[in-house]
Amino acid sequence: MSIQDILLWALNHILFINILLAILLVFFERRNPSSTWAWLMILFFVPILGFLLYLFIGQDLKKKKLFAIKEEEDRIQKMINQQEQVLNKEEIQAAYPNIKKYKDIIHLHLVGHNSLYTQDNKVKIYYNGNDKFKDMIKDIEEAKDFIHLEYYIIRNDNLGKKIINILAKKAKEGVEVKFLYDGMGCIWLPKNFFKPLIKAGGSTSCFFPPFVPYINLRVNYRNHRKICIIDGKIAYLGGINIGDEYLGLSKKMGFWRDTHIKIEGSAVDSLELRFLLDWRFSTKTSYNIDQKYFPPKNVNGNTGIQIVSSGPDSQTSCIKNGFLKMINLSKKRIYIHTPYLIPDDSLLEALKIATLSGIDVRIIIPNKPDHMFVYWASLSYVGELIKAGVRCYTYEKGFIHSKMLLVDDAVSTIGTANFDIRSFKMNFEVNAFIYDKEINKKLGEQFLKDLEDSKEITEEIYNKRSNIIRFKESVSRLLSPML
């Protein structure tokens, strides 16, 4: 049978194929109703394109099978009942007022998401890639025992090659080096990119690799985490991947505004455990907790942190639940950085209720798209939010990729999760929920500085947009449950 015959057969049976997919969607996958309706509309109104889109970003049937082992091993994060009893003690709450003030959020993550609370941490904040990589490279060069990295993207450019060469040098010195990278985020890497590191004795693993080179149908279930752990004493976490563009060297995107943190203290253990679980799942090797990965901490810190992970292997949307709880507990202000603003109904209503209650709600998004449909969908939600009283801004200095949420004066969260449905349900993400007035103050001050480089989208400005833009927003909004 020729290709022409196959295409002719497919066209003649497209209705049957669409009906079959519709049955799969409704009866087997048990999706969110809004997502189901969106896919049904696409399948029936744009049948051929809809079918192709479904193959790339719609498949969900093997999800439970894919993550069964990983979900089982994640249960290792216990000790929850013991810590819950400790946090309830009056002397502990008296020593750390934030525990008492934000006990609801801490309890949510502890009991609902198995996220341990630690209070002995030090945190340093980075607002751009240059500062982050300057410190991270220095810490990597001083590593003595092990270096574990987990990144969604590493580019085949000057910074990417520099990092790999430094890691290869450390591996030659006898330091254990493991690098976990995502199969979609790194799909364009040449096959020999990691050769210097592997030749030097380091190890790499690809999370959900492509079926064939440069073609990956697994657009969902991406490992969007960005973690670097050094000797079990230092950890880096945030929005900055490894590549020249994150240093502001991209001609298209220009200055790159992001947020990343360096953690020292017991919270590093939670990130190390996260890495080991992801490494185990990706490599299919036996799981072994070596105590060398969890050395004693000698840090004079007092910042409270919970490391919260979420993904398609989670029973609940852990990070989203944390966002929702923070918003609902706010009394004065809510500041949000996000490159992609596609909230689900619960978060959308929570933000509206907050601003209608007199809370100062402000959101900064980029003024230029790096993903077109996501950008137009974000603008459609902006229009709805500003009508409710939320103040929304576009960052004009360059591209803002920061993922940050703070409320009032003591709690904030920084990590890899965007304020969108994909981060909440489809990608593997990790965030640090930070209970500290000083950190909150610094983030708030930086947010106000970012406003100086931003332009407010008023209701008047929004209403003046062209009919073409309105059409793009409408189509993208329809696709938003899948973006």
Protein backbone atom coordinates (compact mmCIF):
# COMPACT_ATOMS: atom_id res chain seq x y z
CA MET A 1 0.00 0.00 0.00
CA SER A 2 1.44 3.38 -1.03
CA ILE A 3 1.58 6.48 1.16
CA GLN A 4 -1.10 8.02 -1.05
CA ASP A 5 -3.40 5.05 -0.37
CA ILE A 6 -2.76 5.34 3.39
CA LEU A 7 -3.58 9.04 3.38
CA LEU A 8 -6.72 8.43 1.35
CA TRP A 9 -7.83 5.73 3.79
CA ALA A 10 -7.18 8.05 6.77
CA LEU A 11 -9.22 10.84 5.18
CA ASN A 12 -12.11 8.49 4.46
CA HIS A 13 -12.11 7.20 8.02
CA ILE A 14 -11.35 10.44 9.87
CA LEU A 15 -14.80 10.57 11.42
CA PHE A 16 -14.42 7.05 12.79
CA ILE A 17 -10.97 7.91 14.20
CA ASN A 18 -12.34 11.05 15.86
CA ILE A 19 -15.23 9.15 17.43
CA LEU A 20 -12.81 6.54 18.76
CA LEU A 21 -10.59 9.24 20.28
CA ALA A 22 -13.64 10.94 21.79
CA ILE A 23 -14.60 7.67 23.49
CA LEU A 24 -11.08 7.31 24.85
CA LEU A 25 -11.16 10.86 26.19
CA VAL A 26 -14.54 10.64 27.89
CA PHE A 27 -14.57 7.09 29.25
CA PHE A 28 -10.95 6.13 29.88
CA GLU A 29 -8.80 9.16 30.63
CA ARG A 30 -11.07 10.91 33.16
CA ARG A 31 -9.69 14.34 32.40
CA ASN A 32 -10.82 17.64 33.81
CA PRO A 33 -14.17 18.41 32.05
CA SER A 34 -12.87 21.69 30.57
CA SER A 35 -9.87 19.90 29.09
CA THR A 36 -12.10 17.12 27.73
CA TRP A 37 -14.43 19.59 26.01
CA ALA A 38 -11.47 21.48 24.55
CA TRP A 39 -10.09 18.29 23.00
CA LEU A 40 -13.51 17.23 21.70
CA MET A 41 -13.94 20.61 20.01
CA ILE A 42 -10.51 20.36 18.38
CA LEU A 43 -11.03 16.77 17.22
CA PHE A 44 -14.35 17.50 15.53
CA PHE A 45 -13.72 20.96 14.11
CA VAL A 46 -10.12 20.48 12.93
CA PRO A 47 -10.00 16.69 12.57
CA ILE A 48 -6.61 16.10 10.93
CA LEU A 49 -4.73 18.80 12.84
CA GLY A 50 -6.60 17.86 16.01
CA PHE A 51 -5.55 14.24 15.66
CA LEU A 52 -1.90 15.25 15.24
CA LEU A 53 -2.09 17.62 18.22
CA TYR A 54 -3.56 14.85 20.33
CA LEU A 55 -0.67 12.54 19.42
CA PHE A 56 1.84 15.19 20.49
CA ILE A 57 0.33 16.73 23.62
CA GLY A 58 -2.89 14.91 24.45
CA GLN A 59 -2.01 11.33 25.34
CA ASP A 60 -2.72 10.50 28.97
CA LEU A 61 -3.64 6.82 29.04
CA LYS A 62 -0.27 5.46 30.16
CA LYS A 63 0.23 8.01 32.91
CA LYS A 64 -0.49 5.70 35.85
CA LYS A 65 1.65 2.94 34.39
CA LEU A 66 4.53 5.30 33.64
CA PHE A 67 4.71 6.68 37.17
CA ALA A 68 3.62 3.70 39.26
CA ILE A 69 7.15 2.90 40.44
CA LYS A 70 8.01 6.53 41.04
CA GLU A 71 4.87 7.22 43.04
CA GLU A 72 5.53 4.19 45.24
CA GLU A 73 9.09 5.27 45.98
CA ASP A 74 8.04 8.82 46.78
CA ARG A 75 6.35 7.41 49.88
CA ILE A 76 9.76 7.26 51.47
CA GLN A 77 9.21 10.86 52.53
CA LYS A 78 7.61 10.06 55.85
CA MET A 79 8.48 11.18 59.40
CA ILE A 80 5.38 13.32 58.98
CA ASN A 81 3.48 12.38 62.15
CA GLN A 82 6.55 12.96 64.30
CA GLN A 83 7.20 16.41 62.85
CA GLU A 84 3.54 17.38 63.10
CA GLN A 85 3.67 16.73 66.85
CA VAL A 86 6.84 18.83 67.16
CA LEU A 87 5.35 21.79 65.27
CA ASN A 88 2.30 21.75 67.55
CA LYS A 89 4.41 22.29 70.67
CA GLU A 90 3.92 25.74 72.19
CA GLU A 91 7.63 26.27 72.87
CA ILE A 92 8.46 25.68 69.20
CA GLN A 93 5.76 28.11 68.06
CA ALA A 94 6.97 30.70 70.56
CA ALA A 95 10.57 30.41 69.33
CA TYR A 96 9.53 30.70 65.68
CA PRO A 97 6.50 33.03 65.33
CA ASN A 98 6.15 32.31 61.61
CA ILE A 99 5.29 28.71 62.43
CA LYS A 100 2.27 29.84 64.41
CA LYS A 101 1.26 32.52 61.91
CA TYR A 102 1.47 30.24 58.88
CA LYS A 103 0.75 26.92 60.54
CA ASP A 104 -2.08 26.25 58.05
CA ILE A 105 0.28 26.34 55.04
CA ILE A 106 3.00 24.38 56.83
CA HIS A 107 0.45 21.76 57.86
CA LEU A 108 -0.95 21.55 54.31
CA HIS A 109 2.46 20.76 52.83
CA LEU A 110 3.51 18.53 55.71
CA VAL A 111 0.46 16.28 55.91
CA GLY A 112 -0.96 16.69 52.41
CA HIS A 113 2.29 16.68 50.44
CA ASN A 114 4.88 14.99 52.71
CA SER A 115 7.05 18.12 52.71
CA LEU A 116 9.21 18.42 55.82
CA TYR A 117 9.63 21.81 57.48
CA THR A 118 13.16 22.92 58.40
CA GLN A 119 14.17 26.09 60.25
CA ASP A 120 18.01 26.16 60.13
CA ASN A 121 18.44 27.47 56.58
CA LYS A 122 20.28 30.37 54.95
CA VAL A 123 18.99 31.72 51.63
CA LYS A 124 20.66 33.91 49.03
CA ILE A 125 18.52 35.34 46.22
CA TYR A 126 19.66 35.85 42.62
CA TYR A 127 17.82 38.08 40.16
CA ASN A 128 19.81 37.19 37.03
CA GLY A 129 21.81 34.34 35.57
CA ASN A 130 25.20 36.05 35.71
CA ASP A 131 25.18 36.29 39.51
CA LYS A 132 23.77 32.79 39.91
CA PHE A 133 26.32 31.06 37.69
CA LYS A 134 29.22 33.00 39.16
CA ASP A 135 28.46 31.52 42.59
CA MET A 136 27.33 28.10 41.37
CA ILE A 137 30.47 27.55 39.30
CA LYS A 138 32.62 28.57 42.28
CA ASP A 139 30.79 26.10 44.55
CA ILE A 140 31.07 23.33 41.93
CA GLU A 141 34.81 23.92 41.61
CA GLU A 142 35.15 23.56 45.40
CA ALA A 143 33.09 20.33 45.59
CA LYS A 144 34.72 17.46 47.46
CA ASP A 145 32.26 14.52 47.36
CA PHE A 146 29.44 14.83 44.83
CA ILE A 147 27.62 17.14 42.44
CA HIS A 148 24.06 16.35 41.38
CA LEU A 149 22.32 18.43 38.70
CA GLU A 150 18.78 18.19 37.34
CA TYR A 151 17.88 20.66 34.56
CA TYR A 152 15.09 21.00 32.05
CA ILE A 153 17.41 22.73 29.56
CA ILE A 154 21.14 22.82 28.98
CA ARG A 155 22.23 24.48 25.73
CA ASN A 156 25.02 23.55 23.37
CA ASP A 157 26.53 27.03 23.70
CA ASN A 158 29.34 28.75 25.60
CA LEU A 159 27.79 28.44 29.06
CA GLY A 160 26.57 24.89 28.51
CA LYS A 161 29.99 23.71 27.31
CA LYS A 162 31.70 25.58 30.16
CA ILE A 163 29.55 23.84 32.77
CA ILE A 164 30.15 20.40 31.22
CA ASN A 165 33.91 20.96 31.08
CA ILE A 166 34.01 22.04 34.72
CA LEU A 167 31.96 19.00 35.72
CA ALA A 168 34.30 16.75 33.70
CA LYS A 169 37.27 18.24 35.54
CA LYS A 170 35.64 17.49 38.90
CA ALA A 171 34.79 13.95 37.79
CA LYS A 172 38.47 13.38 36.89
CA GLU A 173 39.34 14.49 40.43
CA GLY A 174 37.16 11.69 41.82
CA VAL A 175 34.05 13.73 42.61
CA GLU A 176 30.78 11.90 41.86
CA VAL A 177 28.92 13.81 39.14
CA LYS A 178 25.38 12.98 38.03
CA PHE A 179 23.47 15.05 35.46
CA LEU A 180 19.76 14.45 34.80
CA TYR A 181 18.35 16.35 31.80
CA ASP A 182 14.95 16.42 30.13
CA GLY A 183 14.40 14.73 26.78
CA MET A 184 12.22 17.51 25.39
CA GLY A 185 14.05 20.51 26.86
CA CYS A 186 17.35 19.16 25.52
CA ILE A 187 16.02 17.62 22.32
CA TRP A 188 18.43 19.60 20.11
CA LEU A 189 21.59 18.63 21.98
CA PRO A 190 24.11 16.74 19.82
CA LYS A 191 24.73 13.12 20.80
CA ASN A 192 28.30 13.83 21.89
CA PHE A 193 27.48 16.83 24.07
CA PHE A 194 28.01 14.98 27.37
CA LYS A 195 30.99 12.97 26.06
CA PRO A 196 33.65 14.93 28.05
CA LEU A 197 31.74 14.35 31.28
CA ILE A 198 31.05 10.66 30.64
CA LYS A 199 34.65 10.05 29.54
CA ALA A 200 35.84 11.61 32.80
CA GLY A 201 33.70 9.22 34.85
CA GLY A 202 30.52 11.24 35.29
CA SER A 203 27.01 9.89 34.75
CA THR A 204 24.09 11.31 32.76
CA SER A 205 20.50 10.29 32.21
CA CYS A 206 17.77 11.56 29.90
CA PHE A 207 14.30 11.95 31.41
CA PHE A 208 11.77 10.59 28.89
CA PRO A 209 14.09 10.51 25.86
CA PRO A 210 12.80 11.11 22.30
CA PHE A 211 11.46 8.15 20.33
CA VAL A 212 13.82 9.05 17.48
CA PRO A 213 16.40 11.86 17.31
CA TYR A 214 14.79 15.33 17.26
CA ILE A 215 11.25 13.91 17.38
CA ASN A 216 9.55 13.56 20.75
CA LEU A 217 5.84 12.83 21.03
CA ARG A 218 6.03 13.07 24.82
CA VAL A 219 5.37 16.79 25.14
CA ASN A 220 3.58 16.20 28.43
CA TYR A 221 5.23 14.93 31.61
CA ARG A 222 8.36 17.00 31.24
CA ASN A 223 10.91 17.33 34.02
CA HIS A 224 10.86 21.11 34.43
CA ARG A 225 12.95 21.09 37.62
CA LYS A 226 16.20 23.03 37.93
CA ILE A 227 18.27 21.74 40.83
CA CYS A 228 21.97 21.66 41.67
CA ILE A 229 23.17 20.03 44.91
CA ILE A 230 26.80 20.18 45.98
CA ASP A 231 28.19 17.88 48.71
CA GLY A 232 24.78 17.78 50.40
CA LYS A 233 25.50 21.20 51.90
CA ILE A 234 24.54 23.67 49.15
CA ALA A 235 21.60 23.63 46.75
CA TYR A 236 20.47 25.91 43.92
CA LEU A 237 16.82 26.12 42.87
CA GLY A 238 14.77 28.44 40.67
CA GLY A 239 13.83 29.40 37.13
CA ILE A 240 17.25 29.67 35.46
CA ASN A 241 18.27 26.90 33.04
CA ILE A 242 21.79 26.49 31.64
CA GLY A 243 22.37 28.50 28.48
CA ASP A 244 23.63 31.82 27.15
CA GLU A 245 20.10 33.21 26.86
CA TYR A 246 19.79 33.03 30.66
CA LEU A 247 22.77 35.38 30.84
CA GLY A 248 20.89 37.92 28.74
CA LEU A 249 22.82 37.11 25.57
CA SER A 250 19.85 36.31 23.35
CA LYS A 251 19.26 38.93 20.64
CA LYS A 252 15.57 38.01 20.53
CA MET A 253 14.82 38.05 24.27
CA GLY A 254 17.41 40.57 25.46
CA PHE A 255 17.94 41.12 29.19
CA TRP A 256 16.81 38.01 31.09
CA ARG A 257 15.13 38.71 34.41
CA ASP A 258 14.76 35.61 36.56
CA THR A 259 14.76 34.50 40.20
CA HIS A 260 16.92 31.75 41.67
CA ILE A 261 18.02 30.91 45.23
CA LYS A 262 20.94 29.28 46.97
CA ILE A 263 20.06 27.26 50.07
CA GLU A 264 22.29 26.09 52.89
CA GLY A 265 20.77 24.05 55.71
CA SER A 266 18.54 21.04 56.24
CA ALA A 267 16.27 21.94 53.31
CA VAL A 268 19.12 20.75 51.07
CA ASP A 269 18.32 17.19 52.17
CA SER A 270 14.80 17.49 50.72
CA LEU A 271 16.20 18.60 47.37
CA GLU A 272 18.77 15.81 47.43
CA LEU A 273 16.04 13.25 48.08
CA ARG A 274 14.04 14.76 45.22
CA PHE A 275 17.02 14.34 42.91
CA LEU A 276 17.67 10.73 43.98
CA LEU A 277 14.05 9.76 43.39
CA ASP A 278 14.08 11.35 39.93
CA TRP A 279 17.43 9.74 39.11
CA ARG A 280 16.09 6.34 40.19
CA PHE A 281 13.02 6.71 37.99
CA SER A 282 14.99 7.87 34.96
CA THR A 283 17.81 5.32 35.16
CA LYS A 284 15.67 2.37 36.37
CA THR A 285 18.47 1.49 38.79
CA SER A 286 18.09 0.17 42.33
CA TYR A 287 17.32 2.80 44.93
CA ASN A 288 19.88 3.27 47.68
CA ILE A 289 20.06 6.07 50.22
CA ASP A 290 23.74 6.58 50.98
CA GLN A 291 24.29 8.64 54.11
CA LYS A 292 27.06 10.54 52.35
CA TYR A 293 24.31 12.37 50.44
CA PHE A 294 22.86 13.67 53.72
CA PRO A 295 25.81 14.97 55.76
CA PRO A 296 25.32 16.81 59.08
CA LYS A 297 24.55 20.50 58.63
CA ASN A 298 26.52 23.19 60.42
CA VAL A 299 24.69 26.32 59.29
CA ASN A 300 23.89 29.35 61.39
CA GLY A 301 20.56 30.01 59.69
CA ASN A 302 17.01 30.66 60.87
CA THR A 303 14.94 30.67 57.68
CA GLY A 304 12.01 28.25 57.57
CA ILE A 305 11.63 26.30 54.31
CA GLN A 306 9.51 23.52 52.87
CA ILE A 307 10.52 21.94 49.58
CA VAL A 308 7.34 21.02 47.70
CA SER A 309 7.34 18.84 44.58
CA SER A 310 4.47 18.17 42.22
CA GLY A 311 3.84 16.48 38.92
CA PRO A 312 1.66 14.00 37.04
CA ASP A 313 2.75 11.34 39.56
CA SER A 314 1.18 13.31 42.44
CA GLN A 315 -2.31 12.57 43.70
CA THR A 316 -2.90 16.31 44.23
CA SER A 317 -1.60 19.52 42.68
CA CYS A 318 0.75 20.17 45.58
CA ILE A 319 2.35 23.43 44.46
CA LYS A 320 -0.95 24.83 43.19
CA ASN A 321 -2.56 24.02 46.53
CA GLY A 322 0.22 25.99 48.23
CA PHE A 323 -0.39 28.97 45.93
CA LEU A 324 -4.11 28.81 46.63
CA LYS A 325 -3.61 28.62 50.39
CA MET A 326 -1.22 31.59 50.36
CA ILE A 327 -3.67 33.71 48.35
CA ASN A 328 -6.59 32.80 50.59
CA LEU A 329 -4.64 33.69 53.75
CA SER A 330 -3.40 37.05 52.47
CA LYS A 331 -4.45 40.24 54.25
CA LYS A 332 -2.46 43.03 52.58
CA ARG A 333 -0.65 42.21 49.35
CA ILE A 334 -0.07 39.54 46.70
CA TYR A 335 2.83 39.97 44.25
CA ILE A 336 3.31 37.52 41.38
CA HIS A 337 6.00 37.06 38.73
CA THR A 338 5.19 34.54 36.01
CA PRO A 339 6.14 34.20 32.34
CA TYR A 340 2.92 32.27 31.69
CA LEU A 341 -0.39 33.23 33.29
CA ILE A 342 -2.95 30.47 32.73
CA PRO A 343 -4.63 29.86 36.09
CA ASP A 344 -7.31 27.26 36.60
CA ASP A 345 -10.75 28.30 37.87
CA SER A 346 -9.82 28.00 41.55
CA LEU A 347 -6.82 30.31 41.32
CA LEU A 348 -8.61 32.74 39.01
CA GLU A 349 -11.48 33.11 41.46
CA ALA A 350 -9.10 33.33 44.44
CA LEU A 351 -7.26 36.28 42.85
CA LYS A 352 -10.54 38.02 42.02
CA ILE A 353 -11.86 37.55 45.54
CA ALA A 354 -8.60 38.83 47.01
CA THR A 355 -8.62 42.06 45.02
CA LEU A 356 -12.34 42.60 45.63
CA SER A 357 -11.56 42.24 49.34
CA GLY A 358 -9.20 45.21 49.18
CA ILE A 359 -5.93 43.29 48.91
CA ASP A 360 -3.23 44.79 46.68
CA VAL A 361 -2.85 42.16 43.93
CA ARG A 362 -0.19 42.78 41.27
CA ILE A 363 1.11 40.53 38.52
CA ILE A 364 4.07 41.02 36.16
CA ILE A 365 4.26 39.04 32.90
CA PRO A 366 6.54 39.40 29.84
CA ASN A 367 5.86 41.98 27.12
CA LYS A 368 6.99 39.52 24.42
CA PRO A 369 6.15 35.87 23.76
CA ASP A 370 8.53 32.92 23.77
CA HIS A 371 5.54 30.57 23.29
CA MET A 372 2.93 32.28 21.13
CA PHE A 373 -0.28 30.49 22.12
CA VAL A 374 0.62 30.67 25.82
CA TYR A 375 1.27 34.41 25.49
CA TRP A 376 -2.11 35.17 23.91
CA ALA A 377 -3.90 32.92 26.40
CA SER A 378 -2.16 34.79 29.24
CA LEU A 379 -3.43 38.10 27.88
CA SER A 380 -6.99 36.79 27.85
CA TYR A 381 -6.73 36.05 31.59
CA VAL A 382 -5.14 39.44 32.17
CA GLY A 383 -8.23 41.07 30.70
CA GLU A 384 -10.48 39.17 33.07
CA LEU A 385 -8.33 39.95 36.10
CA ILE A 386 -7.96 43.69 35.51
CA LYS A 387 -11.74 44.00 35.23
CA ALA A 388 -11.92 42.60 38.77
CA GLY A 389 -9.32 45.11 40.01
CA VAL A 390 -6.05 43.17 39.76
CA ARG A 391 -3.18 45.34 38.55
CA CYS A 392 -1.27 43.65 35.72
CA TYR A 393 1.98 44.77 34.10
CA THR A 394 4.21 43.79 31.19
CA TYR A 395 7.97 43.76 31.77
CA GLU A 396 9.59 46.08 29.21
CA LYS A 397 13.32 45.82 29.98
CA GLY A 398 13.70 42.38 28.41
CA PHE A 399 12.14 39.01 29.20
CA ILE A 400 10.92 38.09 32.69
CA HIS A 401 11.09 34.35 33.40
CA SER A 402 10.85 34.61 37.19
CA LYS A 403 8.44 32.30 39.05
CA MET A 404 7.70 34.02 42.35
CA LEU A 405 4.70 34.54 44.61
CA LEU A 406 4.69 36.45 47.89
CA VAL A 407 1.91 37.42 50.23
CA ASP A 408 1.89 39.95 53.06
CA ASP A 409 5.23 40.21 54.87
CA ALA A 410 6.47 36.74 55.81
CA VAL A 411 5.76 33.95 53.32
CA SER A 412 6.91 33.57 49.71
CA THR A 413 7.64 30.85 47.20
CA ILE A 414 10.31 30.54 44.52
CA GLY A 415 10.91 27.63 42.21
CA THR A 416 10.27 26.16 38.79
CA ALA A 417 6.46 26.23 38.61
CA ASN A 418 4.80 28.81 36.41
CA PHE A 419 1.35 30.16 37.23
CA ASP A 420 -0.24 27.87 34.67
CA ILE A 421 -2.13 24.61 34.32
CA ARG A 422 0.81 22.81 32.67
CA SER A 423 3.04 23.44 35.69
CA PHE A 424 0.30 22.41 38.10
CA LYS A 425 -0.65 19.13 36.43
CA MET A 426 1.55 18.05 33.50
CA ASN A 427 5.15 18.91 34.41
CA PHE A 428 7.44 17.79 37.22
CA GLU A 429 8.12 20.91 39.29
CA VAL A 430 9.68 21.86 42.62
CA ASN A 431 9.28 25.01 44.71
CA ALA A 432 10.68 26.30 47.97
CA PHE A 433 8.04 27.76 50.29
CA ILE A 434 9.93 30.23 52.47
CA TYR A 435 8.73 31.53 55.84
CA ASP A 436 10.95 34.54 56.54
CA LYS A 437 10.23 38.26 56.81
CA GLU A 438 13.63 39.35 55.52
CA ILE A 439 13.42 37.19 52.39
CA ASN A 440 9.89 38.40 51.80
CA LYS A 441 11.04 42.00 52.19
CA LYS A 442 13.86 41.58 49.66
CA LEU A 443 11.56 39.95 47.13
CA GLY A 444 8.98 42.69 47.62
CA GLU A 445 11.58 45.42 47.10
CA GLN A 446 12.79 43.74 43.90
CA PHE A 447 9.20 43.41 42.68
CA LEU A 448 8.71 47.16 43.10
CA LYS A 449 11.96 47.76 41.18
CA ASP A 450 10.64 45.52 38.40
CA LEU A 451 7.51 47.67 38.27
CA GLU A 452 9.74 50.61 37.31
CA ASP A 453 10.75 48.61 34.21
CA SER A 454 7.16 47.58 33.48
CA LYS A 455 4.07 49.05 31.87
CA GLU A 456 0.65 48.69 33.45
CA ILE A 457 -2.12 47.19 31.33
CA THR A 458 -5.09 49.32 32.25
CA GLU A 459 -8.63 48.39 31.31
CA GLU A 460 -8.62 51.28 28.83
CA ILE A 461 -5.46 50.01 27.12
CA TYR A 462 -6.75 46.45 27.08
CA ASN A 463 -10.05 47.45 25.49
CA LYS A 464 -8.20 49.19 22.63
CA ARG A 465 -6.58 45.98 21.36
CA SER A 466 -7.28 45.10 17.73
CA ASN A 467 -9.76 42.52 16.49
CA ILE A 468 -6.88 40.32 15.36
CA ILE A 469 -5.50 40.24 18.90
CA ARG A 470 -8.98 39.52 20.28
CA PHE A 471 -9.26 36.56 17.89
CA LYS A 472 -5.83 35.23 18.90
CA GLU A 473 -6.78 35.51 22.57
CA SER A 474 -10.07 33.69 22.03
CA VAL A 475 -8.48 30.77 20.19
CA SER A 476 -5.61 30.52 22.67
CA ARG A 477 -8.03 30.72 25.62
CA LEU A 478 -9.91 27.77 24.14
CA LEU A 479 -6.66 25.79 24.06
CA SER A 480 -5.51 26.95 27.52
CA PRO A 481 -6.35 23.70 29.39
CA MET A 482 -3.80 21.94 27.17
CA LEU A 483 -1.07 24.62 26.96
